[in-house]
């Protein structure tokens, strides 16, 4: 059932504007229509740019809410990221006094500024105080017009990128850990993205270096994390007795572990990992370092 928000002042009808579709680009990548509810190929180290156009009949809007020329109105894009517990204005542009106006909106989301899911909402708001009796809008920030529904977008994508979440590991009992890998090895046929999750500690001092990876320290942290995740994923799968085969469906936990085992480490079966841990651990560790490209 839909919810209708009633304001204690006049608001503008939807007919006075035409909010256009959203587009996105990743890093230096091409501009792509945001046709689905996810950003395909998003990575937490990528710069995400979002854009749209909004056409507004400013004269009709002002008339409908009885706000004359000289009182400032803004078009804004509100960004909400629950994972970061942050809500902010990602774009703001002033409206004209009258006539029709087409505004190109651009929202820039730097690396490490978002995770999991974001929502976008376009609004027309009153910029300053506008003393007036009810039912006229008068308070700064009064919403005069807004999207019928906010655009909610997952930034995990639908590809094979590693699923990462930013959480406070101190609340989970691991205050000093920079990351933690959670692997459910109970079902090799389960989707990899559902069976595996990498948690990055939001309260760790090195979090920004790790997520931005723009400094020598950041690159070293990313390299160390890649090596550690590869090692944990394979060893924990081997110890648990996970059944992996070359004919498993693409995108499953078993298929991913098989690919790492066979193509990256050069072993034929997970039992070889268990045997190596007991007899030739130094060779196994060397293979992990080489496969992960540790510090290279």
C-alpha atoms as a PDB file:
ATOM      1  CA  UNK A   1       0.000   0.000   0.000  1.00  0.00           C
ATOM      2  CA  UNK A   2       1.412   3.400  -0.992  1.00  0.00           C
ATOM      3  CA  UNK A   3       1.957   6.138   1.569  1.00  0.00           C
ATOM      4  CA  UNK A   4       0.930   9.737   0.955  1.00  0.00           C
ATOM      5  CA  UNK A   5       2.827  12.477   2.785  1.00  0.00           C
ATOM      6  CA  UNK A   6       0.702  15.510   3.656  1.00  0.00           C
ATOM      7  CA  UNK A   7       2.452  18.808   4.367  1.00  0.00           C
ATOM      8  CA  UNK A   8       0.949  21.665   6.420  1.00  0.00           C
ATOM      9  CA  UNK A   9       1.526  24.042   3.522  1.00  0.00           C
ATOM     10  CA  UNK A  10       0.945  24.243  -0.225  1.00  0.00           C
ATOM     11  CA  UNK A  11       3.019  22.025  -2.489  1.00  0.00           C
ATOM     12  CA  UNK A  12       3.391  21.983  -6.264  1.00  0.00           C
ATOM     13  CA  UNK A  13       1.699  19.434  -8.552  1.00  0.00           C
ATOM     14  CA  UNK A  14       3.870  16.954 -10.464  1.00  0.00           C
ATOM     15  CA  UNK A  15       2.755  18.505 -13.763  1.00  0.00           C
ATOM     16  CA  UNK A  16       5.106  21.474 -13.278  1.00  0.00           C
ATOM     17  CA  UNK A  17       8.256  19.400 -13.784  1.00  0.00           C
ATOM     18  CA  UNK A  18       9.669  16.528 -15.843  1.00  0.00           C
ATOM     19  CA  UNK A  19      12.438  14.671 -13.977  1.00  0.00           C
ATOM     20  CA  UNK A  20      14.522  12.757 -16.517  1.00  0.00           C
ATOM     21  CA  UNK A  21      16.114   9.301 -16.227  1.00  0.00           C
ATOM     22  CA  UNK A  22      19.317   8.705 -14.275  1.00  0.00           C
ATOM     23  CA  UNK A  23      22.666   7.870 -15.869  1.00  0.00           C
ATOM     24  CA  UNK A  24      25.925   6.763 -14.261  1.00  0.00           C
ATOM     25  CA  UNK A  25      29.608   6.380 -15.039  1.00  0.00           C
ATOM     26  CA  UNK A  26      32.394   4.612 -13.150  1.00  0.00           C
ATOM     27  CA  UNK A  27      35.834   6.205 -13.167  1.00  0.00           C
ATOM     28  CA  UNK A  28      36.716   6.999 -16.773  1.00  0.00           C
ATOM     29  CA  UNK A  29      34.038   4.622 -18.055  1.00  0.00           C
ATOM     30  CA  UNK A  30      31.201   5.521 -20.434  1.00  0.00           C
ATOM     31  CA  UNK A  31      27.947   7.141 -19.408  1.00  0.00           C
ATOM     32  CA  UNK A  32      25.341   4.400 -18.946  1.00  0.00           C
ATOM     33  CA  UNK A  33      21.587   4.520 -18.463  1.00  0.00           C
ATOM     34  CA  UNK A  34      20.665   3.420 -14.944  1.00  0.00           C
ATOM     35  CA  UNK A  35      17.970   1.055 -16.141  1.00  0.00           C
ATOM     36  CA  UNK A  36      18.051  -1.339 -13.188  1.00  0.00           C
ATOM     37  CA  UNK A  37      18.231  -1.076  -9.408  1.00  0.00           C
ATOM     38  CA  UNK A  38      21.964  -1.817  -9.271  1.00  0.00           C
ATOM     39  CA  UNK A  39      25.249  -0.340 -10.509  1.00  0.00           C
ATOM     40  CA  UNK A  40      26.778  -3.039 -12.680  1.00  0.00           C
ATOM     41  CA  UNK A  41      30.513  -3.445 -12.043  1.00  0.00           C
ATOM     42  CA  UNK A  42      30.703  -1.011  -9.131  1.00  0.00           C
ATOM     43  CA  UNK A  43      33.816  -1.271  -6.968  1.00  0.00           C
ATOM     44  CA  UNK A  44      34.425   0.422  -3.627  1.00  0.00           C
ATOM     45  CA  UNK A  45      37.590   2.019  -5.073  1.00  0.00           C
ATOM     46  CA  UNK A  46      35.740   3.530  -8.039  1.00  0.00           C
ATOM     47  CA  UNK A  47      34.573   7.114  -8.513  1.00  0.00           C
ATOM     48  CA  UNK A  48      30.835   7.005  -9.206  1.00  0.00           C
ATOM     49  CA  UNK A  49      29.154   9.832 -11.135  1.00  0.00           C
ATOM     50  CA  UNK A  50      25.369  10.097 -11.409  1.00  0.00           C
ATOM     51  CA  UNK A  51      23.551  12.502 -13.716  1.00  0.00           C
ATOM     52  CA  UNK A  52      20.073  13.457 -14.912  1.00  0.00           C
ATOM     53  CA  UNK A  53      18.164  16.402 -16.353  1.00  0.00           C
ATOM     54  CA  UNK A  54      15.132  18.027 -14.790  1.00  0.00           C
ATOM     55  CA  UNK A  55      12.824  20.370 -16.725  1.00  0.00           C
ATOM     56  CA  UNK A  56      10.768  22.735 -14.543  1.00  0.00           C
ATOM     57  CA  UNK A  57       8.075  25.263 -15.358  1.00  0.00           C
ATOM     58  CA  UNK A  58       9.243  27.664 -12.666  1.00  0.00           C
ATOM     59  CA  UNK A  59       6.416  30.145 -13.234  1.00  0.00           C
ATOM     60  CA  UNK A  60       3.776  27.471 -12.762  1.00  0.00           C
ATOM     61  CA  UNK A  61       5.590  26.095  -9.717  1.00  0.00           C
ATOM     62  CA  UNK A  62       5.762  29.512  -8.010  1.00  0.00           C
ATOM     63  CA  UNK A  63       2.133  30.191  -8.818  1.00  0.00           C
ATOM     64  CA  UNK A  64       0.978  26.864  -7.369  1.00  0.00           C
ATOM     65  CA  UNK A  65       2.698  27.462  -4.014  1.00  0.00           C
ATOM     66  CA  UNK A  66       2.126  31.255  -4.064  1.00  0.00           C
ATOM     67  CA  UNK A  67       5.774  32.183  -3.802  1.00  0.00           C
ATOM     68  CA  UNK A  68       6.601  35.254  -5.854  1.00  0.00           C
ATOM     69  CA  UNK A  69       9.821  36.310  -7.503  1.00  0.00           C
ATOM     70  CA  UNK A  70      12.643  37.285  -5.222  1.00  0.00           C
ATOM     71  CA  UNK A  71      12.244  34.319  -2.902  1.00  0.00           C
ATOM     72  CA  UNK A  72      14.915  31.732  -3.613  1.00  0.00           C
ATOM     73  CA  UNK A  73      14.065  28.174  -4.559  1.00  0.00           C
ATOM     74  CA  UNK A  74      16.584  25.375  -5.115  1.00  0.00           C
ATOM     75  CA  UNK A  75      16.545  22.073  -6.937  1.00  0.00           C
ATOM     76  CA  UNK A  76      18.489  19.558  -4.863  1.00  0.00           C
ATOM     77  CA  UNK A  77      19.401  15.895  -5.041  1.00  0.00           C
ATOM     78  CA  UNK A  78      19.313  14.214  -1.641  1.00  0.00           C
ATOM     79  CA  UNK A  79      21.608  11.195  -1.227  1.00  0.00           C
ATOM     80  CA  UNK A  80      21.060   8.626   1.513  1.00  0.00           C
ATOM     81  CA  UNK A  81      23.476   5.789   2.360  1.00  0.00           C
ATOM     82  CA  UNK A  82      22.235   3.699   5.312  1.00  0.00           C
ATOM     83  CA  UNK A  83      25.479   1.671   5.475  1.00  0.00           C
ATOM     84  CA  UNK A  84      27.397   4.855   6.297  1.00  0.00           C
ATOM     85  CA  UNK A  85      24.470   6.359   8.241  1.00  0.00           C
ATOM     86  CA  UNK A  86      24.895   9.446   6.098  1.00  0.00           C
ATOM     87  CA  UNK A  87      22.324  11.641   4.358  1.00  0.00           C
ATOM     88  CA  UNK A  88      23.457  14.688   2.436  1.00  0.00           C
ATOM     89  CA  UNK A  89      22.720  17.052  -0.446  1.00  0.00           C
ATOM     90  CA  UNK A  90      24.717  15.796  -3.407  1.00  0.00           C
ATOM     91  CA  UNK A  91      23.641  18.544  -5.808  1.00  0.00           C
ATOM     92  CA  UNK A  92      22.057  21.984  -5.536  1.00  0.00           C
ATOM     93  CA  UNK A  93      21.053  24.537  -8.194  1.00  0.00           C
ATOM     94  CA  UNK A  94      18.990  27.739  -7.889  1.00  0.00           C
ATOM     95  CA  UNK A  95      15.748  28.158  -9.805  1.00  0.00           C
ATOM     96  CA  UNK A  96      14.983  31.226 -11.895  1.00  0.00           C
ATOM     97  CA  UNK A  97      12.255  33.736 -11.070  1.00  0.00           C
ATOM     98  CA  UNK A  98      10.010  32.622 -13.937  1.00  0.00           C
ATOM     99  CA  UNK A  99       9.853  30.761 -17.234  1.00  0.00           C
ATOM    100  CA  UNK A 100      10.924  27.225 -18.010  1.00  0.00           C
ATOM    101  CA  UNK A 101      14.283  25.896 -16.847  1.00  0.00           C
ATOM    102  CA  UNK A 102      16.232  22.727 -17.690  1.00  0.00           C
ATOM    103  CA  UNK A 103      18.832  21.777 -15.074  1.00  0.00           C
ATOM    104  CA  UNK A 104      21.594  19.205 -15.527  1.00  0.00           C
ATOM    105  CA  UNK A 105      22.118  17.498 -12.172  1.00  0.00           C
ATOM    106  CA  UNK A 106      25.415  15.838 -11.333  1.00  0.00           C
ATOM    107  CA  UNK A 107      26.192  13.860  -8.184  1.00  0.00           C
ATOM    108  CA  UNK A 108      29.803  12.850  -7.551  1.00  0.00           C
ATOM    109  CA  UNK A 109      30.440   9.996  -5.102  1.00  0.00           C
ATOM    110  CA  UNK A 110      34.177   9.548  -4.371  1.00  0.00           C
ATOM    111  CA  UNK A 111      35.761   6.187  -3.492  1.00  0.00           C
ATOM    112  CA  UNK A 112      34.969   4.937   0.024  1.00  0.00           C
ATOM    113  CA  UNK A 113      32.000   7.310   0.391  1.00  0.00           C
ATOM    114  CA  UNK A 114      29.227   4.738  -0.146  1.00  0.00           C
ATOM    115  CA  UNK A 115      28.516   1.040   0.324  1.00  0.00           C
ATOM    116  CA  UNK A 116      25.737  -1.510  -0.138  1.00  0.00           C
ATOM    117  CA  UNK A 117      22.864   0.736  -1.254  1.00  0.00           C
ATOM    118  CA  UNK A 118      22.082   4.391  -1.863  1.00  0.00           C
ATOM    119  CA  UNK A 119      18.881   6.276  -2.556  1.00  0.00           C
ATOM    120  CA  UNK A 120      18.481   9.431  -4.644  1.00  0.00           C
ATOM    121  CA  UNK A 121      15.650  11.908  -4.374  1.00  0.00           C
ATOM    122  CA  UNK A 122      15.137  15.119  -6.337  1.00  0.00           C
ATOM    123  CA  UNK A 123      13.396  17.941  -4.507  1.00  0.00           C
ATOM    124  CA  UNK A 124      12.533  21.599  -4.930  1.00  0.00           C
ATOM    125  CA  UNK A 125      12.995  23.368  -1.593  1.00  0.00           C
ATOM    126  CA  UNK A 126      12.695  26.841  -0.121  1.00  0.00           C
ATOM    127  CA  UNK A 127      16.245  28.133   0.370  1.00  0.00           C
ATOM    128  CA  UNK A 128      15.574  30.729   3.083  1.00  0.00           C
ATOM    129  CA  UNK A 129      12.886  31.819   5.497  1.00  0.00           C
ATOM    130  CA  UNK A 130       9.756  33.184   3.817  1.00  0.00           C
ATOM    131  CA  UNK A 131       7.467  34.716   6.455  1.00  0.00           C
ATOM    132  CA  UNK A 132       3.903  33.979   5.391  1.00  0.00           C
ATOM    133  CA  UNK A 133       0.645  32.817   7.005  1.00  0.00           C
ATOM    134  CA  UNK A 134      -0.619  29.242   6.548  1.00  0.00           C
ATOM    135  CA  UNK A 135      -1.111  27.500   4.224  1.00  0.00           C
ATOM    136  CA  UNK A 136       1.841  29.160   2.469  1.00  0.00           C
ATOM    137  CA  UNK A 137       5.296  27.551   2.833  1.00  0.00           C
ATOM    138  CA  UNK A 138       7.501  29.677   5.055  1.00  0.00           C
ATOM    139  CA  UNK A 139      10.317  27.705   6.685  1.00  0.00           C
ATOM    140  CA  UNK A 140      13.767  27.231   5.225  1.00  0.00           C
ATOM    141  CA  UNK A 141      14.064  23.787   3.643  1.00  0.00           C
ATOM    142  CA  UNK A 142      10.332  23.356   3.073  1.00  0.00           C
ATOM    143  CA  UNK A 143       9.846  20.702   0.377  1.00  0.00           C
ATOM    144  CA  UNK A 144       7.649  22.116  -2.378  1.00  0.00           C
ATOM    145  CA  UNK A 145       8.062  19.276  -4.873  1.00  0.00           C
ATOM    146  CA  UNK A 146       9.751  15.897  -4.759  1.00  0.00           C
ATOM    147  CA  UNK A 147      10.133  12.645  -6.672  1.00  0.00           C
ATOM    148  CA  UNK A 148       7.062  10.449  -6.383  1.00  0.00           C
ATOM    149  CA  UNK A 149       9.457   7.855  -4.996  1.00  0.00           C
ATOM    150  CA  UNK A 150      13.192   7.949  -4.321  1.00  0.00           C
ATOM    151  CA  UNK A 151      15.480   5.937  -6.585  1.00  0.00           C
ATOM    152  CA  UNK A 152      17.067   3.119  -4.568  1.00  0.00           C
ATOM    153  CA  UNK A 153      20.203   1.610  -6.093  1.00  0.00           C
ATOM    154  CA  UNK A 154      22.362  -1.308  -4.951  1.00  0.00           C
ATOM    155  CA  UNK A 155      26.083  -0.760  -5.446  1.00  0.00           C
ATOM    156  CA  UNK A 156      27.012  -4.424  -5.268  1.00  0.00           C
ATOM    157  CA  UNK A 157      26.201  -4.988  -8.947  1.00  0.00           C
ATOM    158  CA  UNK A 158      25.359  -8.330 -10.536  1.00  0.00           C
ATOM    159  CA  UNK A 159      28.855  -9.375 -11.568  1.00  0.00           C
ATOM    160  CA  UNK A 160      31.496 -11.453  -9.832  1.00  0.00           C
ATOM    161  CA  UNK A 161      33.153  -8.656  -7.848  1.00  0.00           C
ATOM    162  CA  UNK A 162      33.902  -9.497  -4.258  1.00  0.00           C
ATOM    163  CA  UNK A 163      31.031  -8.586  -1.895  1.00  0.00           C
ATOM    164  CA  UNK A 164      32.308  -5.991   0.619  1.00  0.00           C
ATOM    165  CA  UNK A 165      30.477  -4.381   3.544  1.00  0.00           C
ATOM    166  CA  UNK A 166      31.634  -1.591   5.827  1.00  0.00           C
ATOM    167  CA  UNK A 167      30.761  -2.402   9.451  1.00  0.00           C
ATOM    168  CA  UNK A 168      31.982  -1.621  12.955  1.00  0.00           C
ATOM    169  CA  UNK A 169      33.908  -4.782  13.848  1.00  0.00           C
ATOM    170  CA  UNK A 170      34.341  -3.607  17.433  1.00  0.00           C
ATOM    171  CA  UNK A 171      30.624  -4.258  17.902  1.00  0.00           C
ATOM    172  CA  UNK A 172      31.260  -7.819  16.702  1.00  0.00           C
ATOM    173  CA  UNK A 173      34.156  -8.354  19.124  1.00  0.00           C
ATOM    174  CA  UNK A 174      37.026  -7.655  16.715  1.00  0.00           C
ATOM    175  CA  UNK A 175      38.037  -4.017  17.403  1.00  0.00           C
ATOM    176  CA  UNK A 176      41.617  -4.346  16.113  1.00  0.00           C
ATOM    177  CA  UNK A 177      40.859  -6.196  12.869  1.00  0.00           C
ATOM    178  CA  UNK A 178      40.901  -4.133   9.669  1.00  0.00           C
ATOM    179  CA  UNK A 179      38.872  -6.749   7.798  1.00  0.00           C
ATOM    180  CA  UNK A 180      37.171 -10.069   8.433  1.00  0.00           C
ATOM    181  CA  UNK A 181      36.080 -12.743   5.966  1.00  0.00           C
ATOM    182  CA  UNK A 182      32.794 -14.570   6.534  1.00  0.00           C
ATOM    183  CA  UNK A 183      32.410 -17.777   4.493  1.00  0.00           C
ATOM    184  CA  UNK A 184      29.519 -20.240   4.633  1.00  0.00           C
ATOM    185  CA  UNK A 185      30.960 -23.507   3.293  1.00  0.00           C
ATOM    186  CA  UNK A 186      27.856 -25.594   3.930  1.00  0.00           C
ATOM    187  CA  UNK A 187      26.740 -25.644   0.280  1.00  0.00           C
ATOM    188  CA  UNK A 188      29.083 -25.583  -2.718  1.00  0.00           C
ATOM    189  CA  UNK A 189      26.159 -24.901  -5.067  1.00  0.00           C
ATOM    190  CA  UNK A 190      25.132 -21.730  -3.251  1.00  0.00           C
ATOM    191  CA  UNK A 191      25.729 -18.432  -5.073  1.00  0.00           C
ATOM    192  CA  UNK A 192      29.188 -17.082  -4.248  1.00  0.00           C
ATOM    193  CA  UNK A 193      27.810 -13.595  -3.552  1.00  0.00           C
ATOM    194  CA  UNK A 194      25.425 -15.077  -0.986  1.00  0.00           C
ATOM    195  CA  UNK A 195      27.956 -17.398   0.671  1.00  0.00           C
ATOM    196  CA  UNK A 196      30.863 -15.000   1.099  1.00  0.00           C
ATOM    197  CA  UNK A 197      31.112 -11.545   2.645  1.00  0.00           C
ATOM    198  CA  UNK A 198      34.147  -9.398   3.389  1.00  0.00           C
ATOM    199  CA  UNK A 199      33.709  -6.954   6.253  1.00  0.00           C
ATOM    200  CA  UNK A 200      35.900  -3.848   6.456  1.00  0.00           C
ATOM    201  CA  UNK A 201      36.147  -2.239   9.893  1.00  0.00           C
ATOM    202  CA  UNK A 202      34.539   1.209   9.752  1.00  0.00           C
ATOM    203  CA  UNK A 203      36.140   2.207  13.081  1.00  0.00           C
ATOM    204  CA  UNK A 204      39.730   1.279  12.130  1.00  0.00           C
ATOM    205  CA  UNK A 205      42.228   4.106  11.607  1.00  0.00           C
ATOM    206  CA  UNK A 206      43.476   2.510   8.367  1.00  0.00           C
ATOM    207  CA  UNK A 207      40.016   2.190   6.816  1.00  0.00           C
ATOM    208  CA  UNK A 208      40.386   5.227   4.538  1.00  0.00           C
ATOM    209  CA  UNK A 209      43.791   4.101   3.237  1.00  0.00           C
ATOM    210  CA  UNK A 210      42.422   0.646   2.483  1.00  0.00           C
ATOM    211  CA  UNK A 211      39.270   1.801   0.711  1.00  0.00           C
ATOM    212  CA  UNK A 212      40.787   4.651  -1.259  1.00  0.00           C
ATOM    213  CA  UNK A 213      43.995   2.750  -2.117  1.00  0.00           C
ATOM    214  CA  UNK A 214      45.510   5.949  -3.519  1.00  0.00           C
ATOM    215  CA  UNK A 215      48.628   5.916  -1.346  1.00  0.00           C
ATOM    216  CA  UNK A 216      51.544   3.457  -1.130  1.00  0.00           C
ATOM    217  CA  UNK A 217      50.180   2.327   2.234  1.00  0.00           C
ATOM    218  CA  UNK A 218      46.719   1.886   0.759  1.00  0.00           C
ATOM    219  CA  UNK A 219      48.019  -0.216  -2.126  1.00  0.00           C
ATOM    220  CA  UNK A 220      49.955  -2.397   0.304  1.00  0.00           C
ATOM    221  CA  UNK A 221      46.854  -2.870   2.457  1.00  0.00           C
ATOM    222  CA  UNK A 222      44.777  -3.872  -0.572  1.00  0.00           C
ATOM    223  CA  UNK A 223      47.490  -6.321  -1.630  1.00  0.00           C
ATOM    224  CA  UNK A 224      47.672  -7.850   1.843  1.00  0.00           C
ATOM    225  CA  UNK A 225      43.888  -8.131   2.004  1.00  0.00           C
ATOM    226  CA  UNK A 226      43.771  -9.885  -1.381  1.00  0.00           C
ATOM    227  CA  UNK A 227      46.360 -12.413  -0.254  1.00  0.00           C
ATOM    228  CA  UNK A 228      44.621 -13.017   3.072  1.00  0.00           C
ATOM    229  CA  UNK A 229      41.175 -13.429   1.487  1.00  0.00           C
ATOM    230  CA  UNK A 230      42.493 -15.888  -1.112  1.00  0.00           C
ATOM    231  CA  UNK A 231      44.272 -17.927   1.542  1.00  0.00           C
ATOM    232  CA  UNK A 232      41.324 -17.985   3.952  1.00  0.00           C
ATOM    233  CA  UNK A 233      38.783 -18.837   1.286  1.00  0.00           C
ATOM    234  CA  UNK A 234      40.729 -21.816  -0.064  1.00  0.00           C
ATOM    235  CA  UNK A 235      42.012 -23.170   3.259  1.00  0.00           C
ATOM    236  CA  UNK A 236      38.667 -22.878   5.032  1.00  0.00           C
ATOM    237  CA  UNK A 237      36.901 -24.545   2.101  1.00  0.00           C
ATOM    238  CA  UNK A 238      39.442 -27.379   2.178  1.00  0.00           C
ATOM    239  CA  UNK A 239      39.229 -27.937   5.919  1.00  0.00           C
ATOM    240  CA  UNK A 240      35.410 -27.967   5.797  1.00  0.00           C
ATOM    241  CA  UNK A 241      35.442 -30.624   3.072  1.00  0.00           C
ATOM    242  CA  UNK A 242      33.640 -28.457   0.525  1.00  0.00           C
ATOM    243  CA  UNK A 243      32.766 -30.485  -2.575  1.00  0.00           C
ATOM    244  CA  UNK A 244      34.175 -28.615  -5.580  1.00  0.00           C
ATOM    245  CA  UNK A 245      34.226 -29.849  -9.179  1.00  0.00           C
ATOM    246  CA  UNK A 246      35.014 -28.350 -12.595  1.00  0.00           C
ATOM    247  CA  UNK A 247      31.428 -28.861 -13.818  1.00  0.00           C
ATOM    248  CA  UNK A 248      29.691 -26.748 -11.167  1.00  0.00           C
ATOM    249  CA  UNK A 249      27.440 -23.907 -12.229  1.00  0.00           C
ATOM    250  CA  UNK A 250      29.212 -20.621 -12.892  1.00  0.00           C
ATOM    251  CA  UNK A 251      28.885 -18.127 -10.054  1.00  0.00           C
ATOM    252  CA  UNK A 252      28.510 -20.718  -7.294  1.00  0.00           C
ATOM    253  CA  UNK A 253      30.871 -20.971  -4.338  1.00  0.00           C
ATOM    254  CA  UNK A 254      32.155 -24.323  -5.614  1.00  0.00           C
ATOM    255  CA  UNK A 255      32.916 -22.952  -9.086  1.00  0.00           C
ATOM    256  CA  UNK A 256      34.817 -19.959  -7.700  1.00  0.00           C
ATOM    257  CA  UNK A 257      36.876 -22.070  -5.281  1.00  0.00           C
ATOM    258  CA  UNK A 258      37.591 -24.600  -8.049  1.00  0.00           C
ATOM    259  CA  UNK A 259      38.863 -21.834 -10.307  1.00  0.00           C
ATOM    260  CA  UNK A 260      41.160 -20.497  -7.577  1.00  0.00           C
ATOM    261  CA  UNK A 261      42.371 -23.960  -6.701  1.00  0.00           C
ATOM    262  CA  UNK A 262      43.051 -25.131 -10.245  1.00  0.00           C
ATOM    263  CA  UNK A 263      43.834 -21.996 -12.240  1.00  0.00           C
ATOM    264  CA  UNK A 264      45.562 -19.858  -9.634  1.00  0.00           C
ATOM    265  CA  UNK A 265      47.228 -22.354  -7.297  1.00  0.00           C
ATOM    266  CA  UNK A 266      47.832 -25.340  -9.566  1.00  0.00           C
ATOM    267  CA  UNK A 267      46.206 -28.020  -7.395  1.00  0.00           C
ATOM    268  CA  UNK A 268      43.771 -30.696  -8.581  1.00  0.00           C
ATOM    269  CA  UNK A 269      41.536 -31.007  -5.519  1.00  0.00           C
ATOM    270  CA  UNK A 270      40.957 -29.434  -2.133  1.00  0.00           C
ATOM    271  CA  UNK A 271      42.394 -32.522  -0.454  1.00  0.00           C
ATOM    272  CA  UNK A 272      45.769 -31.407  -1.857  1.00  0.00           C
ATOM    273  CA  UNK A 273      45.497 -28.256   0.263  1.00  0.00           C
ATOM    274  CA  UNK A 274      44.918 -30.277   3.433  1.00  0.00           C
ATOM    275  CA  UNK A 275      47.875 -32.515   2.597  1.00  0.00           C
ATOM    276  CA  UNK A 276      50.090 -29.511   1.858  1.00  0.00           C
ATOM    277  CA  UNK A 277      49.227 -27.925   5.197  1.00  0.00           C
ATOM    278  CA  UNK A 278      50.556 -31.045   6.899  1.00  0.00           C
ATOM    279  CA  UNK A 279      53.648 -31.718   4.763  1.00  0.00           C
ATOM    280  CA  UNK A 280      54.715 -28.880   2.441  1.00  0.00           C
ATOM    281  CA  UNK A 281      53.201 -25.782   4.034  1.00  0.00           C
ATOM    282  CA  UNK A 282      56.066 -23.567   2.837  1.00  0.00           C
ATOM    283  CA  UNK A 283      55.333 -24.459  -0.802  1.00  0.00           C
ATOM    284  CA  UNK A 284      51.628 -23.790  -0.281  1.00  0.00           C
ATOM    285  CA  UNK A 285      52.293 -20.393   1.291  1.00  0.00           C
ATOM    286  CA  UNK A 286      54.601 -19.484  -1.580  1.00  0.00           C
ATOM    287  CA  UNK A 287      51.846 -20.336  -4.055  1.00  0.00           C
ATOM    288  CA  UNK A 288      49.371 -18.170  -2.183  1.00  0.00           C
ATOM    289  CA  UNK A 289      51.739 -15.211  -2.312  1.00  0.00           C
ATOM    290  CA  UNK A 290      52.384 -15.707  -6.031  1.00  0.00           C
ATOM    291  CA  UNK A 291      48.717 -16.217  -6.914  1.00  0.00           C
ATOM    292  CA  UNK A 292      47.685 -13.081  -5.020  1.00  0.00           C
ATOM    293  CA  UNK A 293      50.563 -11.003  -6.394  1.00  0.00           C
ATOM    294  CA  UNK A 294      51.420  -9.967  -2.858  1.00  0.00           C
ATOM    295  CA  UNK A 295      52.983  -6.471  -2.811  1.00  0.00           C
ATOM    296  CA  UNK A 296      53.639  -6.497  -6.550  1.00  0.00           C
END
